[in-house]
Each structure stands twice: as C-alpha cells, then as structure tokens.
Amino acid sequence: MKKLLIAALVATGSTVAMAEPPMDKYNKACAVCHAAGVAGAPKTHDAAAWEPRLAKGMDTLVSSVKNGLNAMPPKGMCFDCTDEEYKELITFMSSPAE
C-alpha cells in the first residue's frame, strides 16, 4: 500500500512523499477530526479509507480542503496552511502507521 501511495504521488508530480508534516498544524487543525474519524473524516493512518480519496489526485484533495467538503470546513481549520503544507498533511494522514 505504501508503494501504491508513493507511486500515486510521483504520478501526480508531487514531491512531498518524504517531507515531514507540520505537526503543530496537524495537532491544532487536523487531529480534531481525523484522529477519531469525526463526522466521516478518514482516520489518520487508515490507508484503506484514504485510498479512494487519493485516487482523485492531490490537487483535487487540496482543493477540497481549501473549499471545504461535507462536514469539513473551508481550509480544514488551518487558515495559515500553504498548499505544500496541505499536501504534506494529507500525505502524513493517508500513510499507514509505521
């Protein structure tokens, strides 16, 4: 699965596969919902839950975060995140736990 994720990121032109996520931003904004799967949010490190989302492409995921989707508010509560930080956070949350 990890190889599939890396292959998907390479195919989309992403270079964040090895980047460290901004953990302070994850803890302040993302973990509130993604740690427990609140309101249908895919849980952090649940690769199977993230797989269909990743299939849409990283740019689509970043757009969904920035605009909000379903119960997720616009910008996912990270109002100062850059697109690269969103990509790093998505990559971190969608990767299986090591």
C-alpha atoms as a PDB file:
ATOM      1  CA  MET A   1       0.000   0.000   0.000  1.00  0.00           C
ATOM      2  CA  LYS A   2       2.827   2.383   0.845  1.00  0.00           C
ATOM      3  CA  LYS A   3       4.355   1.720  -2.585  1.00  0.00           C
ATOM      4  CA  LEU A   4       0.986   2.489  -4.175  1.00  0.00           C
ATOM      5  CA  LEU A   5       0.775   5.792  -2.295  1.00  0.00           C
ATOM      6  CA  ILE A   6       4.285   6.796  -3.315  1.00  0.00           C
ATOM      7  CA  ALA A   7       3.592   5.783  -6.921  1.00  0.00           C
ATOM      8  CA  ALA A   8       0.409   7.866  -6.897  1.00  0.00           C
ATOM      9  CA  LEU A   9       2.255  10.866  -5.531  1.00  0.00           C
ATOM     10  CA  VAL A  10       5.013  10.509  -8.118  1.00  0.00           C
ATOM     11  CA  ALA A  11       2.431  10.142 -10.904  1.00  0.00           C
ATOM     12  CA  THR A  12       0.752  13.383  -9.836  1.00  0.00           C
ATOM     13  CA  GLY A  13       4.043  15.234  -9.779  1.00  0.00           C
ATOM     14  CA  SER A  14       4.056  15.610  -6.024  1.00  0.00           C
ATOM     15  CA  THR A  15       7.361  15.858  -4.224  1.00  0.00           C
ATOM     16  CA  VAL A  16       6.041  15.612  -0.681  1.00  0.00           C
ATOM     17  CA  ALA A  17       6.362  11.845  -0.229  1.00  0.00           C
ATOM     18  CA  MET A  18       9.363  12.257   2.055  1.00  0.00           C
ATOM     19  CA  ALA A  19       8.526  15.664   3.540  1.00  0.00           C
ATOM     20  CA  GLU A  20       7.900  15.999   7.242  1.00  0.00           C
ATOM     21  CA  PRO A  21       4.392  17.206   8.040  1.00  0.00           C
ATOM     22  CA  PRO A  22       3.956  20.389  10.069  1.00  0.00           C
ATOM     23  CA  MET A  23       2.907  18.508  13.210  1.00  0.00           C
ATOM     24  CA  ASP A  24       1.897  21.656  15.071  1.00  0.00           C
ATOM     25  CA  LYS A  25      -0.664  22.353  12.351  1.00  0.00           C
ATOM     26  CA  TYR A  26      -1.818  18.736  12.308  1.00  0.00           C
ATOM     27  CA  ASN A  27      -2.349  18.813  16.070  1.00  0.00           C
ATOM     28  CA  LYS A  28      -4.183  22.156  16.005  1.00  0.00           C
ATOM     29  CA  ALA A  29      -6.342  21.673  12.924  1.00  0.00           C
ATOM     30  CA  CYS A  30      -6.448  18.142  11.536  1.00  0.00           C
ATOM     31  CA  ALA A  31      -6.276  15.833  14.552  1.00  0.00           C
ATOM     32  CA  VAL A  32      -9.537  17.169  15.989  1.00  0.00           C
ATOM     33  CA  CYS A  33     -11.493  15.218  13.363  1.00  0.00           C
ATOM     34  CA  HIS A  34      -9.020  12.891  11.651  1.00  0.00           C
ATOM     35  CA  ALA A  35      -7.614  11.231  14.791  1.00  0.00           C
ATOM     36  CA  ALA A  36     -11.011   9.717  15.633  1.00  0.00           C
ATOM     37  CA  GLY A  37     -12.817   9.891  12.295  1.00  0.00           C
ATOM     38  CA  VAL A  38     -15.317  12.516  13.433  1.00  0.00           C
ATOM     39  CA  ALA A  39     -18.225  13.199  11.043  1.00  0.00           C
ATOM     40  CA  GLY A  40     -16.954  10.763   8.435  1.00  0.00           C
ATOM     41  CA  ALA A  41     -13.413  12.133   8.245  1.00  0.00           C
ATOM     42  CA  PRO A  42     -10.957   9.435   7.210  1.00  0.00           C
ATOM     43  CA  LYS A  43      -8.829   8.493  10.192  1.00  0.00           C
ATOM     44  CA  THR A  44      -5.155   9.344  10.230  1.00  0.00           C
ATOM     45  CA  HIS A  45      -3.057   6.366   9.053  1.00  0.00           C
ATOM     46  CA  ASP A  46      -6.126   4.429   7.800  1.00  0.00           C
ATOM     47  CA  ALA A  47      -4.715   3.874   4.325  1.00  0.00           C
ATOM     48  CA  ALA A  48      -7.802   1.997   3.119  1.00  0.00           C
ATOM     49  CA  ALA A  49     -10.069   4.928   3.995  1.00  0.00           C
ATOM     50  CA  TRP A  50      -7.767   7.347   2.197  1.00  0.00           C
ATOM     51  CA  GLU A  51      -7.255   5.218  -0.922  1.00  0.00           C
ATOM     52  CA  PRO A  52     -10.374   6.367  -2.856  1.00  0.00           C
ATOM     53  CA  ARG A  53      -9.623   9.967  -1.941  1.00  0.00           C
ATOM     54  CA  LEU A  54      -6.015   9.719  -3.131  1.00  0.00           C
ATOM     55  CA  ALA A  55      -7.272   8.242  -6.398  1.00  0.00           C
ATOM     56  CA  LYS A  56      -8.793  11.661  -7.153  1.00  0.00           C
ATOM     57  CA  GLY A  57      -5.336  13.239  -7.155  1.00  0.00           C
ATOM     58  CA  MET A  58      -3.526  15.508  -4.748  1.00  0.00           C
ATOM     59  CA  ASP A  59      -4.681  18.722  -6.443  1.00  0.00           C
ATOM     60  CA  THR A  60      -8.314  17.670  -6.007  1.00  0.00           C
ATOM     61  CA  LEU A  61      -7.717  16.858  -2.335  1.00  0.00           C
ATOM     62  CA  VAL A  62      -6.054  20.217  -1.703  1.00  0.00           C
ATOM     63  CA  SER A  63      -8.950  21.953  -3.446  1.00  0.00           C
ATOM     64  CA  SER A  64     -11.421  20.058  -1.246  1.00  0.00           C
ATOM     65  CA  VAL A  65      -9.542  21.141   1.865  1.00  0.00           C
ATOM     66  CA  LYS A  66      -9.374  24.774   0.771  1.00  0.00           C
ATOM     67  CA  ASN A  67     -13.051  24.945  -0.202  1.00  0.00           C
ATOM     68  CA  GLY A  68     -14.459  22.597   2.434  1.00  0.00           C
ATOM     69  CA  LEU A  69     -16.209  19.319   1.765  1.00  0.00           C
ATOM     70  CA  ASN A  70     -19.131  17.721   3.570  1.00  0.00           C
ATOM     71  CA  ALA A  71     -18.547  18.363   7.290  1.00  0.00           C
ATOM     72  CA  MET A  72     -15.009  19.713   6.783  1.00  0.00           C
ATOM     73  CA  PRO A  73     -14.988  23.500   6.906  1.00  0.00           C
ATOM     74  CA  PRO A  74     -13.039  25.552   4.364  1.00  0.00           C
ATOM     75  CA  LYS A  75      -9.298  25.311   4.902  1.00  0.00           C
ATOM     76  CA  GLY A  76      -9.862  22.417   7.309  1.00  0.00           C
ATOM     77  CA  MET A  77      -9.401  24.877  10.192  1.00  0.00           C
ATOM     78  CA  CYS A  78      -5.793  25.547   9.118  1.00  0.00           C
ATOM     79  CA  PHE A  79      -6.161  29.118   7.951  1.00  0.00           C
ATOM     80  CA  ASP A  80      -2.434  29.745   7.520  1.00  0.00           C
ATOM     81  CA  CYS A  81      -1.509  26.496   5.745  1.00  0.00           C
ATOM     82  CA  THR A  82       0.109  26.709   2.339  1.00  0.00           C
ATOM     83  CA  ASP A  83      -0.767  24.300  -0.462  1.00  0.00           C
ATOM     84  CA  GLU A  84       2.512  22.477   0.199  1.00  0.00           C
ATOM     85  CA  GLU A  85       1.629  22.102   3.887  1.00  0.00           C
ATOM     86  CA  TYR A  86      -1.795  20.740   2.959  1.00  0.00           C
ATOM     87  CA  LYS A  87      -0.058  18.202   0.702  1.00  0.00           C
ATOM     88  CA  GLU A  88       2.342  17.226   3.490  1.00  0.00           C
ATOM     89  CA  LEU A  89      -0.538  16.854   5.949  1.00  0.00           C
ATOM     90  CA  ILE A  90      -2.597  14.761   3.518  1.00  0.00           C
ATOM     91  CA  THR A  91       0.405  12.550   2.811  1.00  0.00           C
ATOM     92  CA  PHE A  92       1.028  12.081   6.544  1.00  0.00           C
ATOM     93  CA  MET A  93      -2.612  11.293   7.355  1.00  0.00           C
ATOM     94  CA  SER A  94      -3.067   8.924   4.410  1.00  0.00           C
ATOM     95  CA  SER A  95       0.119   6.934   5.038  1.00  0.00           C
ATOM     96  CA  PRO A  96      -0.095   3.744   7.097  1.00  0.00           C
ATOM     97  CA  ALA A  97       1.323   3.959  10.607  1.00  0.00           C
ATOM     98  CA  GLU A  98       4.894   2.754  10.810  1.00  0.00           C
END
